[in-house]
Amino acid sequence: MSYLHVLNGDVTLTLFRQSKVPGEMVVCREMMCEGKIKHTKDPERLLESRAKHLEFHYGIDKQTYQNNVVEELEKLKDSSSFEEVILWFEYDLFCQINLLFILYYIRSKADKLPLISIVDLPHHVEASAFNLLMEKRVRLMPQDLQFADDAWDAYCMDTPQALETISKLNPGNLVHLPQAIHAHLQRFPDVHNGLSFIESYFLRKLDVGKYRWQDLYSLFWNEQKIYGFGDFQLDILVHRMEAAGVVEDENQLLKITSLGREILRNEENYLDYTVLQHRWMGGVRLENSPWRWDPGTNSIVQL
């Protein structure tokens, strides 16, 4: 049987090659949970928009993006020539949003849909486990593919309401998607102080004491595994907090400022101090956005 394996990132690729699992490979090198997502049925238009946005706001060279991301994804156009496409993705937000994108890409580009399966890939898996994991893969049924399509469409909209509704529905075989969507929605500004969940997490840790950057990140990775973010994304977030004046670097130690403590006590609002002009949550542009996360009701609210 001919297999096409879709892997999320080059770390998984290295392990996969060591495992000797048969089949061809495609690597998704995107981070669709970060930055602007254009609402379109055409993946090529979406990726063109991403290339411009990531170059201008994240410093990712457009040609590098074309070579490493777009050209690799173009291999999925031939997915209908394989008997089965197997998706190897973990449960966290980073992986689950990329998973939705991959399904959207395949459904948009394949002449005829092949059989599509998913592997529930654990964190820190050994290469020796890949063959057993493949045996436990789950076939995605038509209703699963439709659910994924609806979820991706909702993620790309300029309002999070539809996505929140989808997170409360039965996900079928996409069992990790509701929790990942919930983690995504918690990144919207808090209705009381404007902090995202992760920004609030960092400030609460720093309110107790100073941390080296990497130690703070390690705490986050251990306690908030649902996000699956790497150094790159966390660096962006902390640098924004530095620019807003809520944290500062003192001899390579991060510390909270007086403004940071005032925001934590809901005496000030983070949105009055941070720049939102080019910040996006999927298809939602945060500048002038009325959407907030209410931790009291555990839901999105509109101001």
C-alpha atoms as a PDB file:
ATOM      1  CA  MET A   1       0.000   0.000   0.000  1.00  0.00           C
ATOM      2  CA  SER A   2       1.300   3.496  -0.849  1.00  0.00           C
ATOM      3  CA  TYR A   3       1.450   5.976   2.037  1.00  0.00           C
ATOM      4  CA  LEU A   4       1.968   9.724   2.191  1.00  0.00           C
ATOM      5  CA  HIS A   5       2.884  10.857   5.688  1.00  0.00           C
ATOM      6  CA  VAL A   6       2.346  14.491   6.747  1.00  0.00           C
ATOM      7  CA  LEU A   7       4.598  15.497   9.636  1.00  0.00           C
ATOM      8  CA  ASN A   8       4.444  18.641  11.747  1.00  0.00           C
ATOM      9  CA  GLY A   9       7.970  20.057  11.790  1.00  0.00           C
ATOM     10  CA  ASP A  10      11.511  18.874  11.151  1.00  0.00           C
ATOM     11  CA  VAL A  11      11.996  17.388  14.631  1.00  0.00           C
ATOM     12  CA  THR A  12       9.317  14.822  13.826  1.00  0.00           C
ATOM     13  CA  LEU A  13      10.910  14.303  10.398  1.00  0.00           C
ATOM     14  CA  THR A  14      14.242  13.297  11.977  1.00  0.00           C
ATOM     15  CA  LEU A  15      12.554  10.743  14.245  1.00  0.00           C
ATOM     16  CA  PHE A  16      10.350   9.479  11.436  1.00  0.00           C
ATOM     17  CA  ARG A  17      13.332   8.735   9.212  1.00  0.00           C
ATOM     18  CA  GLN A  18      14.938   6.779  12.031  1.00  0.00           C
ATOM     19  CA  SER A  19      11.764   4.718  12.470  1.00  0.00           C
ATOM     20  CA  LYS A  20      11.920   3.240   8.937  1.00  0.00           C
ATOM     21  CA  VAL A  21       8.117   3.529   8.539  1.00  0.00           C
ATOM     22  CA  PRO A  22       7.426   3.029   4.791  1.00  0.00           C
ATOM     23  CA  GLY A  23       6.076   5.820   2.629  1.00  0.00           C
ATOM     24  CA  GLU A  24       6.735   9.309   1.282  1.00  0.00           C
ATOM     25  CA  MET A  25       6.887  12.360   3.565  1.00  0.00           C
ATOM     26  CA  VAL A  26       5.672  15.962   3.570  1.00  0.00           C
ATOM     27  CA  VAL A  27       6.672  18.357   6.358  1.00  0.00           C
ATOM     28  CA  CYS A  28       4.392  21.160   7.503  1.00  0.00           C
ATOM     29  CA  ARG A  29       6.705  23.991   8.597  1.00  0.00           C
ATOM     30  CA  GLU A  30       3.973  26.536   9.264  1.00  0.00           C
ATOM     31  CA  MET A  31       2.662  28.016  12.546  1.00  0.00           C
ATOM     32  CA  MET A  32      -0.937  28.770  11.631  1.00  0.00           C
ATOM     33  CA  CYS A  33      -1.759  29.566  15.254  1.00  0.00           C
ATOM     34  CA  GLU A  34       0.412  32.703  14.936  1.00  0.00           C
ATOM     35  CA  GLY A  35      -0.298  35.782  12.828  1.00  0.00           C
ATOM     36  CA  LYS A  36      -2.793  36.719  10.134  1.00  0.00           C
ATOM     37  CA  ILE A  37      -4.867  34.083   8.331  1.00  0.00           C
ATOM     38  CA  LYS A  38      -6.642  35.190   5.174  1.00  0.00           C
ATOM     39  CA  HIS A  39     -10.226  33.923   4.858  1.00  0.00           C
ATOM     40  CA  THR A  40     -10.211  32.314   1.422  1.00  0.00           C
ATOM     41  CA  LYS A  41     -11.038  29.020  -0.274  1.00  0.00           C
ATOM     42  CA  ASP A  42      -7.762  29.236  -2.221  1.00  0.00           C
ATOM     43  CA  PRO A  43      -4.701  27.963  -0.285  1.00  0.00           C
ATOM     44  CA  GLU A  44      -2.334  29.718  -2.694  1.00  0.00           C
ATOM     45  CA  ARG A  45      -3.860  33.110  -1.899  1.00  0.00           C
ATOM     46  CA  LEU A  46      -3.677  32.296   1.795  1.00  0.00           C
ATOM     47  CA  LEU A  47       0.003  31.346   1.618  1.00  0.00           C
ATOM     48  CA  GLU A  48       0.816  34.430  -0.469  1.00  0.00           C
ATOM     49  CA  SER A  49      -0.816  36.590   2.202  1.00  0.00           C
ATOM     50  CA  ARG A  50       1.052  34.684   4.931  1.00  0.00           C
ATOM     51  CA  ALA A  51       4.404  35.223   3.205  1.00  0.00           C
ATOM     52  CA  LYS A  52       3.907  39.002   3.140  1.00  0.00           C
ATOM     53  CA  HIS A  53       2.637  39.150   6.724  1.00  0.00           C
ATOM     54  CA  LEU A  54       5.363  36.934   8.186  1.00  0.00           C
ATOM     55  CA  GLU A  55       8.128  38.805   6.385  1.00  0.00           C
ATOM     56  CA  PHE A  56       6.935  42.261   7.430  1.00  0.00           C
ATOM     57  CA  HIS A  57       5.958  41.486  11.033  1.00  0.00           C
ATOM     58  CA  TYR A  58       8.013  38.424  11.992  1.00  0.00           C
ATOM     59  CA  GLY A  59      11.193  38.875   9.969  1.00  0.00           C
ATOM     60  CA  ILE A  60      10.749  35.611   8.037  1.00  0.00           C
ATOM     61  CA  ASP A  61      12.260  36.083   4.569  1.00  0.00           C
ATOM     62  CA  LYS A  62       9.657  35.646   1.834  1.00  0.00           C
ATOM     63  CA  GLN A  63      11.929  33.549  -0.387  1.00  0.00           C
ATOM     64  CA  THR A  64      12.850  31.312   2.545  1.00  0.00           C
ATOM     65  CA  TYR A  65       9.156  30.836   3.235  1.00  0.00           C
ATOM     66  CA  GLN A  66       8.573  29.951  -0.414  1.00  0.00           C
ATOM     67  CA  ASN A  67      11.405  27.409  -0.449  1.00  0.00           C
ATOM     68  CA  ASN A  68      10.846  25.783   2.941  1.00  0.00           C
ATOM     69  CA  VAL A  69       7.082  26.013   3.407  1.00  0.00           C
ATOM     70  CA  VAL A  70       5.183  26.559   0.160  1.00  0.00           C
ATOM     71  CA  GLU A  71       7.203  24.237  -2.092  1.00  0.00           C
ATOM     72  CA  GLU A  72       7.030  21.477   0.513  1.00  0.00           C
ATOM     73  CA  LEU A  73       3.248  21.820   0.831  1.00  0.00           C
ATOM     74  CA  GLU A  74       2.868  21.631  -2.948  1.00  0.00           C
ATOM     75  CA  LYS A  75       3.686  17.916  -2.673  1.00  0.00           C
ATOM     76  CA  LEU A  76       0.193  17.508  -1.211  1.00  0.00           C
ATOM     77  CA  LYS A  77      -1.290  18.304  -4.615  1.00  0.00           C
ATOM     78  CA  ASP A  78      -0.412  14.735  -5.597  1.00  0.00           C
ATOM     79  CA  SER A  79      -2.014  13.220  -2.490  1.00  0.00           C
ATOM     80  CA  SER A  80      -4.741  11.554  -4.575  1.00  0.00           C
ATOM     81  CA  SER A  81      -2.062   9.340  -6.172  1.00  0.00           C
ATOM     82  CA  PHE A  82      -1.493   7.651  -2.789  1.00  0.00           C
ATOM     83  CA  GLU A  83      -3.784   5.039  -1.311  1.00  0.00           C
ATOM     84  CA  GLU A  84      -3.630   6.640   2.139  1.00  0.00           C
ATOM     85  CA  VAL A  85      -2.527   9.949   3.646  1.00  0.00           C
ATOM     86  CA  ILE A  86      -1.486   9.655   7.295  1.00  0.00           C
ATOM     87  CA  LEU A  87      -1.341  12.803   9.449  1.00  0.00           C
ATOM     88  CA  TRP A  88       1.086  12.754  12.412  1.00  0.00           C
ATOM     89  CA  PHE A  89       0.063  15.550  14.773  1.00  0.00           C
ATOM     90  CA  GLU A  90       0.125  16.115  18.534  1.00  0.00           C
ATOM     91  CA  TYR A  91      -2.763  17.327  20.711  1.00  0.00           C
ATOM     92  CA  ASP A  92      -1.576  20.897  21.367  1.00  0.00           C
ATOM     93  CA  LEU A  93      -2.855  24.132  19.830  1.00  0.00           C
ATOM     94  CA  PHE A  94       0.167  24.559  17.548  1.00  0.00           C
ATOM     95  CA  CYS A  95      -0.322  21.111  16.011  1.00  0.00           C
ATOM     96  CA  GLN A  96      -4.116  21.086  15.916  1.00  0.00           C
ATOM     97  CA  ILE A  97      -4.415  24.347  13.972  1.00  0.00           C
ATOM     98  CA  ASN A  98      -1.775  23.114  11.517  1.00  0.00           C
ATOM     99  CA  LEU A  99      -3.774  19.885  11.221  1.00  0.00           C
ATOM    100  CA  LEU A 100      -6.891  21.844  10.240  1.00  0.00           C
ATOM    101  CA  PHE A 101      -4.865  23.761   7.667  1.00  0.00           C
ATOM    102  CA  ILE A 102      -3.427  20.557   6.143  1.00  0.00           C
ATOM    103  CA  LEU A 103      -6.911  19.050   5.780  1.00  0.00           C
ATOM    104  CA  TYR A 104      -8.127  22.293   4.200  1.00  0.00           C
ATOM    105  CA  TYR A 105      -5.173  22.238   1.791  1.00  0.00           C
ATOM    106  CA  ILE A 106      -5.701  18.615   0.769  1.00  0.00           C
ATOM    107  CA  ARG A 107      -9.444  19.045   0.281  1.00  0.00           C
ATOM    108  CA  SER A 108      -8.821  22.169  -1.825  1.00  0.00           C
ATOM    109  CA  LYS A 109      -6.107  20.703  -4.044  1.00  0.00           C
ATOM    110  CA  ALA A 110      -6.618  16.949  -4.391  1.00  0.00           C
ATOM    111  CA  ASP A 111      -8.435  15.778  -7.524  1.00  0.00           C
ATOM    112  CA  LYS A 112      -9.891  12.888  -5.549  1.00  0.00           C
ATOM    113  CA  LEU A 113      -9.631  12.480  -1.803  1.00  0.00           C
ATOM    114  CA  PRO A 114      -7.585   9.487  -0.718  1.00  0.00           C
ATOM    115  CA  LEU A 115      -8.219   7.650   2.520  1.00  0.00           C
ATOM    116  CA  ILE A 116      -7.042  10.004   5.306  1.00  0.00           C
ATOM    117  CA  SER A 117      -5.969   8.824   8.760  1.00  0.00           C
ATOM    118  CA  ILE A 118      -4.567  10.519  11.846  1.00  0.00           C
ATOM    119  CA  VAL A 119      -2.009   9.340  14.373  1.00  0.00           C
ATOM    120  CA  ASP A 120      -2.367  10.542  17.959  1.00  0.00           C
ATOM    121  CA  LEU A 121       1.269  11.517  18.357  1.00  0.00           C
ATOM    122  CA  PRO A 122       2.452  11.940  21.975  1.00  0.00           C
ATOM    123  CA  HIS A 123       4.983  14.519  23.151  1.00  0.00           C
ATOM    124  CA  HIS A 124       8.610  13.311  23.327  1.00  0.00           C
ATOM    125  CA  VAL A 125       7.977  10.125  21.363  1.00  0.00           C
ATOM    126  CA  GLU A 126      10.860   7.772  20.524  1.00  0.00           C
ATOM    127  CA  ALA A 127      11.551   6.685  16.943  1.00  0.00           C
ATOM    128  CA  SER A 128      10.998   3.071  17.989  1.00  0.00           C
ATOM    129  CA  ALA A 129       7.332   3.847  18.790  1.00  0.00           C
ATOM    130  CA  PHE A 130       6.334   5.079  15.318  1.00  0.00           C
ATOM    131  CA  ASN A 131       5.447   1.703  13.838  1.00  0.00           C
ATOM    132  CA  LEU A 132       3.140   0.854  16.751  1.00  0.00           C
ATOM    133  CA  LEU A 133       1.568   4.328  16.600  1.00  0.00           C
ATOM    134  CA  MET A 134       0.888   3.857  12.890  1.00  0.00           C
ATOM    135  CA  GLU A 135      -0.958   0.616  13.639  1.00  0.00           C
ATOM    136  CA  LYS A 136      -3.240   2.556  16.003  1.00  0.00           C
ATOM    137  CA  ARG A 137      -4.069   5.277  13.477  1.00  0.00           C
ATOM    138  CA  VAL A 138      -7.713   6.301  13.062  1.00  0.00           C
ATOM    139  CA  ARG A 139      -9.434   6.791   9.737  1.00  0.00           C
ATOM    140  CA  LEU A 140     -11.170  10.135   9.300  1.00  0.00           C
ATOM    141  CA  MET A 141     -14.749   9.723   8.174  1.00  0.00           C
ATOM    142  CA  PRO A 142     -16.613  12.186   5.883  1.00  0.00           C
ATOM    143  CA  GLN A 143     -18.227  13.824   8.922  1.00  0.00           C
ATOM    144  CA  ASP A 144     -14.773  14.330  10.478  1.00  0.00           C
ATOM    145  CA  LEU A 145     -13.502  16.016   7.329  1.00  0.00           C
ATOM    146  CA  GLN A 146     -16.552  18.269   7.247  1.00  0.00           C
ATOM    147  CA  PHE A 147     -16.076  19.155  10.923  1.00  0.00           C
ATOM    148  CA  ALA A 148     -12.440  20.048  10.239  1.00  0.00           C
ATOM    149  CA  ASP A 149     -13.487  22.159   7.252  1.00  0.00           C
ATOM    150  CA  ASP A 150     -16.045  24.037   9.354  1.00  0.00           C
ATOM    151  CA  ALA A 151     -13.535  24.574  12.159  1.00  0.00           C
ATOM    152  CA  TRP A 152     -10.876  25.947   9.784  1.00  0.00           C
ATOM    153  CA  ASP A 153     -13.403  28.248   8.136  1.00  0.00           C
ATOM    154  CA  ALA A 154     -14.473  29.535  11.572  1.00  0.00           C
ATOM    155  CA  TYR A 155     -10.830  30.042  12.602  1.00  0.00           C
ATOM    156  CA  CYS A 156     -10.288  32.265   9.557  1.00  0.00           C
ATOM    157  CA  MET A 157     -13.374  34.441  10.180  1.00  0.00           C
ATOM    158  CA  ASP A 158     -13.159  37.981  11.550  1.00  0.00           C
ATOM    159  CA  THR A 159     -15.226  36.950  14.585  1.00  0.00           C
ATOM    160  CA  PRO A 160     -14.499  34.107  17.057  1.00  0.00           C
ATOM    161  CA  GLN A 161     -18.149  33.299  17.751  1.00  0.00           C
ATOM    162  CA  ALA A 162     -18.499  30.432  15.260  1.00  0.00           C
ATOM    163  CA  LEU A 163     -15.239  28.901  16.451  1.00  0.00           C
ATOM    164  CA  GLU A 164     -16.406  28.974  20.063  1.00  0.00           C
ATOM    165  CA  THR A 165     -19.631  27.229  19.033  1.00  0.00           C
ATOM    166  CA  ILE A 166     -17.678  24.545  17.176  1.00  0.00           C
ATOM    167  CA  SER A 167     -15.504  23.924  20.248  1.00  0.00           C
ATOM    168  CA  LYS A 168     -18.624  22.782  22.120  1.00  0.00           C
ATOM    169  CA  LEU A 169     -19.731  20.256  19.484  1.00  0.00           C
ATOM    170  CA  ASN A 170     -18.894  16.564  19.240  1.00  0.00           C
ATOM    171  CA  PRO A 171     -15.541  16.480  17.402  1.00  0.00           C
ATOM    172  CA  GLY A 172     -15.845  12.877  16.228  1.00  0.00           C
ATOM    173  CA  ASN A 173     -12.365  11.487  15.639  1.00  0.00           C
ATOM    174  CA  LEU A 174     -10.742  14.924  16.021  1.00  0.00           C
ATOM    175  CA  VAL A 175     -10.763  14.393  19.770  1.00  0.00           C
ATOM    176  CA  HIS A 176      -8.164  17.025  20.727  1.00  0.00           C
ATOM    177  CA  LEU A 177      -9.641  19.900  18.747  1.00  0.00           C
ATOM    178  CA  PRO A 178     -12.098  21.309  21.370  1.00  0.00           C
ATOM    179  CA  GLN A 179      -9.404  21.724  24.023  1.00  0.00           C
ATOM    180  CA  ALA A 180      -7.025  23.300  21.505  1.00  0.00           C
ATOM    181  CA  ILE A 181      -9.677  25.774  20.350  1.00  0.00           C
ATOM    182  CA  HIS A 182     -10.419  26.650  23.975  1.00  0.00           C
ATOM    183  CA  ALA A 183      -6.713  27.398  24.522  1.00  0.00           C
ATOM    184  CA  HIS A 184      -6.770  29.585  21.410  1.00  0.00           C
ATOM    185  CA  LEU A 185      -9.792  31.564  22.628  1.00  0.00           C
ATOM    186  CA  GLN A 186      -8.079  32.179  25.964  1.00  0.00           C
ATOM    187  CA  ARG A 187      -5.433  34.148  24.051  1.00  0.00           C
ATOM    188  CA  PHE A 188      -7.969  36.896  23.375  1.00  0.00           C
ATOM    189  CA  PRO A 189      -7.551  39.894  25.720  1.00  0.00           C
ATOM    190  CA  ASP A 190      -9.021  39.410  29.179  1.00  0.00           C
ATOM    191  CA  VAL A 191     -12.219  41.427  29.626  1.00  0.00           C
ATOM    192  CA  HIS A 192     -10.851  42.936  32.861  1.00  0.00           C
ATOM    193  CA  ASN A 193      -7.199  43.771  32.180  1.00  0.00           C
ATOM    194  CA  GLY A 194      -6.504  43.078  28.484  1.00  0.00           C
ATOM    195  CA  LEU A 195      -3.979  40.294  29.110  1.00  0.00           C
ATOM    196  CA  SER A 196      -4.025  37.052  27.173  1.00  0.00           C
ATOM    197  CA  PHE A 197      -3.873  33.870  29.253  1.00  0.00           C
ATOM    198  CA  ILE A 198      -0.165  33.420  28.470  1.00  0.00           C
ATOM    199  CA  GLU A 199       0.720  37.041  29.271  1.00  0.00           C
ATOM    200  CA  SER A 200      -1.169  36.723  32.534  1.00  0.00           C
ATOM    201  CA  TYR A 201       0.633  33.438  33.280  1.00  0.00           C
ATOM    202  CA  PHE A 202       4.046  35.062  32.820  1.00  0.00           C
ATOM    203  CA  LEU A 203       3.182  38.100  34.932  1.00  0.00           C
ATOM    204  CA  ARG A 204       1.833  35.937  37.753  1.00  0.00           C
ATOM    205  CA  LYS A 205       5.078  33.946  37.802  1.00  0.00           C
ATOM    206  CA  LEU A 206       7.188  37.125  37.739  1.00  0.00           C
ATOM    207  CA  ASP A 207       5.060  38.674  40.471  1.00  0.00           C
ATOM    208  CA  VAL A 208       6.568  36.051  42.792  1.00  0.00           C
ATOM    209  CA  GLY A 209      10.177  36.483  41.672  1.00  0.00           C
ATOM    210  CA  LYS A 210      12.640  37.076  38.853  1.00  0.00           C
ATOM    211  CA  TYR A 211      13.323  34.392  36.241  1.00  0.00           C
ATOM    212  CA  ARG A 212      15.840  33.700  33.545  1.00  0.00           C
ATOM    213  CA  TRP A 213      14.048  33.690  30.194  1.00  0.00           C
ATOM    214  CA  GLN A 214      14.652  29.992  29.578  1.00  0.00           C
ATOM    215  CA  ASP A 215      13.581  29.011  33.091  1.00  0.00           C
ATOM    216  CA  LEU A 216      10.322  30.888  32.655  1.00  0.00           C
ATOM    217  CA  TYR A 217       9.770  29.180  29.314  1.00  0.00           C
ATOM    218  CA  SER A 218      10.499  25.764  30.852  1.00  0.00           C
ATOM    219  CA  LEU A 219       7.841  26.385  33.491  1.00  0.00           C
ATOM    220  CA  PHE A 220       5.377  27.301  30.778  1.00  0.00           C
ATOM    221  CA  TRP A 221       6.188  24.207  28.724  1.00  0.00           C
ATOM    222  CA  ASN A 222       5.761  21.964  31.759  1.00  0.00           C
ATOM    223  CA  GLU A 223       2.550  23.525  33.067  1.00  0.00           C
ATOM    224  CA  GLN A 224       0.803  24.630  29.855  1.00  0.00           C
ATOM    225  CA  LYS A 225       1.503  21.806  27.404  1.00  0.00           C
ATOM    226  CA  ILE A 226      -1.738  22.504  25.519  1.00  0.00           C
ATOM    227  CA  TYR A 227      -0.114  25.392  23.615  1.00  0.00           C
ATOM    228  CA  GLY A 228       2.895  23.632  22.110  1.00  0.00           C
ATOM    229  CA  PHE A 229       4.699  26.931  21.436  1.00  0.00           C
ATOM    230  CA  GLY A 230       8.446  27.101  20.876  1.00  0.00           C
ATOM    231  CA  ASP A 231      11.053  29.720  21.773  1.00  0.00           C
ATOM    232  CA  PHE A 232      10.242  31.748  18.671  1.00  0.00           C
ATOM    233  CA  GLN A 233       6.620  32.389  19.637  1.00  0.00           C
ATOM    234  CA  LEU A 234       7.358  32.978  23.315  1.00  0.00           C
ATOM    235  CA  ASP A 235      10.165  35.410  22.453  1.00  0.00           C
ATOM    236  CA  ILE A 236       7.730  37.437  20.354  1.00  0.00           C
ATOM    237  CA  LEU A 237       5.236  37.573  23.210  1.00  0.00           C
ATOM    238  CA  VAL A 238       7.764  38.548  25.895  1.00  0.00           C
ATOM    239  CA  HIS A 239       9.376  41.203  23.681  1.00  0.00           C
ATOM    240  CA  ARG A 240       5.924  42.730  23.227  1.00  0.00           C
ATOM    241  CA  MET A 241       5.506  42.741  27.015  1.00  0.00           C
ATOM    242  CA  GLU A 242       8.890  44.459  27.353  1.00  0.00           C
ATOM    243  CA  ALA A 243       7.893  47.099  24.805  1.00  0.00           C
ATOM    244  CA  ALA A 244       4.654  47.695  26.716  1.00  0.00           C
ATOM    245  CA  GLY A 245       6.600  48.243  29.938  1.00  0.00           C
ATOM    246  CA  VAL A 246       5.082  45.415  31.974  1.00  0.00           C
ATOM    247  CA  VAL A 247       8.304  43.378  32.231  1.00  0.00           C
ATOM    248  CA  GLU A 248      11.968  44.308  31.963  1.00  0.00           C
ATOM    249  CA  ASP A 249      15.305  42.540  31.641  1.00  0.00           C
ATOM    250  CA  GLU A 250      17.690  43.057  34.551  1.00  0.00           C
ATOM    251  CA  ASN A 251      21.044  41.339  34.060  1.00  0.00           C
ATOM    252  CA  GLN A 252      19.427  38.598  31.952  1.00  0.00           C
ATOM    253  CA  LEU A 253      16.677  38.130  34.504  1.00  0.00           C
ATOM    254  CA  LEU A 254      13.083  38.981  33.676  1.00  0.00           C
ATOM    255  CA  LYS A 255      11.213  40.984  36.311  1.00  0.00           C
ATOM    256  CA  ILE A 256       7.740  42.466  36.533  1.00  0.00           C
ATOM    257  CA  THR A 257       7.371  46.262  36.622  1.00  0.00           C
ATOM    258  CA  SER A 258       5.036  48.366  38.755  1.00  0.00           C
ATOM    259  CA  LEU A 259       2.808  48.759  35.687  1.00  0.00           C
ATOM    260  CA  GLY A 260       2.726  44.985  35.299  1.00  0.00           C
ATOM    261  CA  ARG A 261       1.532  44.613  38.890  1.00  0.00           C
ATOM    262  CA  GLU A 262      -1.142  47.269  38.406  1.00  0.00           C
ATOM    263  CA  ILE A 263      -2.427  45.415  35.337  1.00  0.00           C
ATOM    264  CA  LEU A 264      -2.458  42.134  37.261  1.00  0.00           C
ATOM    265  CA  ARG A 265      -4.631  43.842  39.922  1.00  0.00           C
ATOM    266  CA  ASN A 266      -6.974  45.117  37.145  1.00  0.00           C
ATOM    267  CA  GLU A 267      -6.036  48.709  38.009  1.00  0.00           C
ATOM    268  CA  GLU A 268      -4.701  49.312  34.487  1.00  0.00           C
ATOM    269  CA  ASN A 269      -5.435  47.732  31.108  1.00  0.00           C
ATOM    270  CA  TYR A 270      -2.662  46.121  29.077  1.00  0.00           C
ATOM    271  CA  LEU A 271      -4.318  47.172  25.816  1.00  0.00           C
ATOM    272  CA  ASP A 272      -3.599  50.812  26.676  1.00  0.00           C
ATOM    273  CA  TYR A 273       0.123  50.111  26.543  1.00  0.00           C
ATOM    274  CA  THR A 274       0.691  47.455  23.852  1.00  0.00           C
ATOM    275  CA  VAL A 275       0.530  47.865  20.062  1.00  0.00           C
ATOM    276  CA  LEU A 276      -2.290  45.933  18.367  1.00  0.00           C
ATOM    277  CA  GLN A 277      -2.111  47.413  14.863  1.00  0.00           C
ATOM    278  CA  HIS A 278      -0.787  44.318  13.101  1.00  0.00           C
ATOM    279  CA  ARG A 279      -1.695  41.597  15.578  1.00  0.00           C
ATOM    280  CA  TRP A 280      -4.102  38.848  14.574  1.00  0.00           C
ATOM    281  CA  MET A 281      -5.798  35.851  16.139  1.00  0.00           C
ATOM    282  CA  GLY A 282      -6.501  33.693  13.108  1.00  0.00           C
ATOM    283  CA  GLY A 283      -8.816  35.847  11.011  1.00  0.00           C
ATOM    284  CA  VAL A 284      -9.515  38.349  13.822  1.00  0.00           C
ATOM    285  CA  ARG A 285      -7.542  41.580  13.757  1.00  0.00           C
ATOM    286  CA  LEU A 286      -7.068  42.650  17.376  1.00  0.00           C
ATOM    287  CA  GLU A 287      -6.866  46.374  16.668  1.00  0.00           C
ATOM    288  CA  ASN A 288     -10.268  47.878  17.548  1.00  0.00           C
ATOM    289  CA  SER A 289     -11.641  44.373  18.076  1.00  0.00           C
ATOM    290  CA  PRO A 290     -14.563  44.151  20.528  1.00  0.00           C
ATOM    291  CA  TRP A 291     -13.848  40.500  21.390  1.00  0.00           C
ATOM    292  CA  ARG A 292     -12.608  39.613  24.870  1.00  0.00           C
ATOM    293  CA  TRP A 293     -12.120  36.489  26.945  1.00  0.00           C
ATOM    294  CA  ASP A 294     -14.178  36.386  30.150  1.00  0.00           C
ATOM    295  CA  PRO A 295     -12.552  33.986  32.653  1.00  0.00           C
ATOM    296  CA  GLY A 296     -15.636  34.249  34.863  1.00  0.00           C
ATOM    297  CA  THR A 297     -17.965  32.723  32.261  1.00  0.00           C
ATOM    298  CA  ASN A 298     -15.146  30.851  30.487  1.00  0.00           C
ATOM    299  CA  SER A 299     -16.310  32.271  27.168  1.00  0.00           C
ATOM    300  CA  ILE A 300     -15.792  34.949  24.522  1.00  0.00           C
ATOM    301  CA  VAL A 301     -17.755  38.177  25.064  1.00  0.00           C
ATOM    302  CA  GLN A 302     -18.280  41.268  22.931  1.00  0.00           C
ATOM    303  CA  LEU A 303     -17.742  44.724  24.402  1.00  0.00           C
END
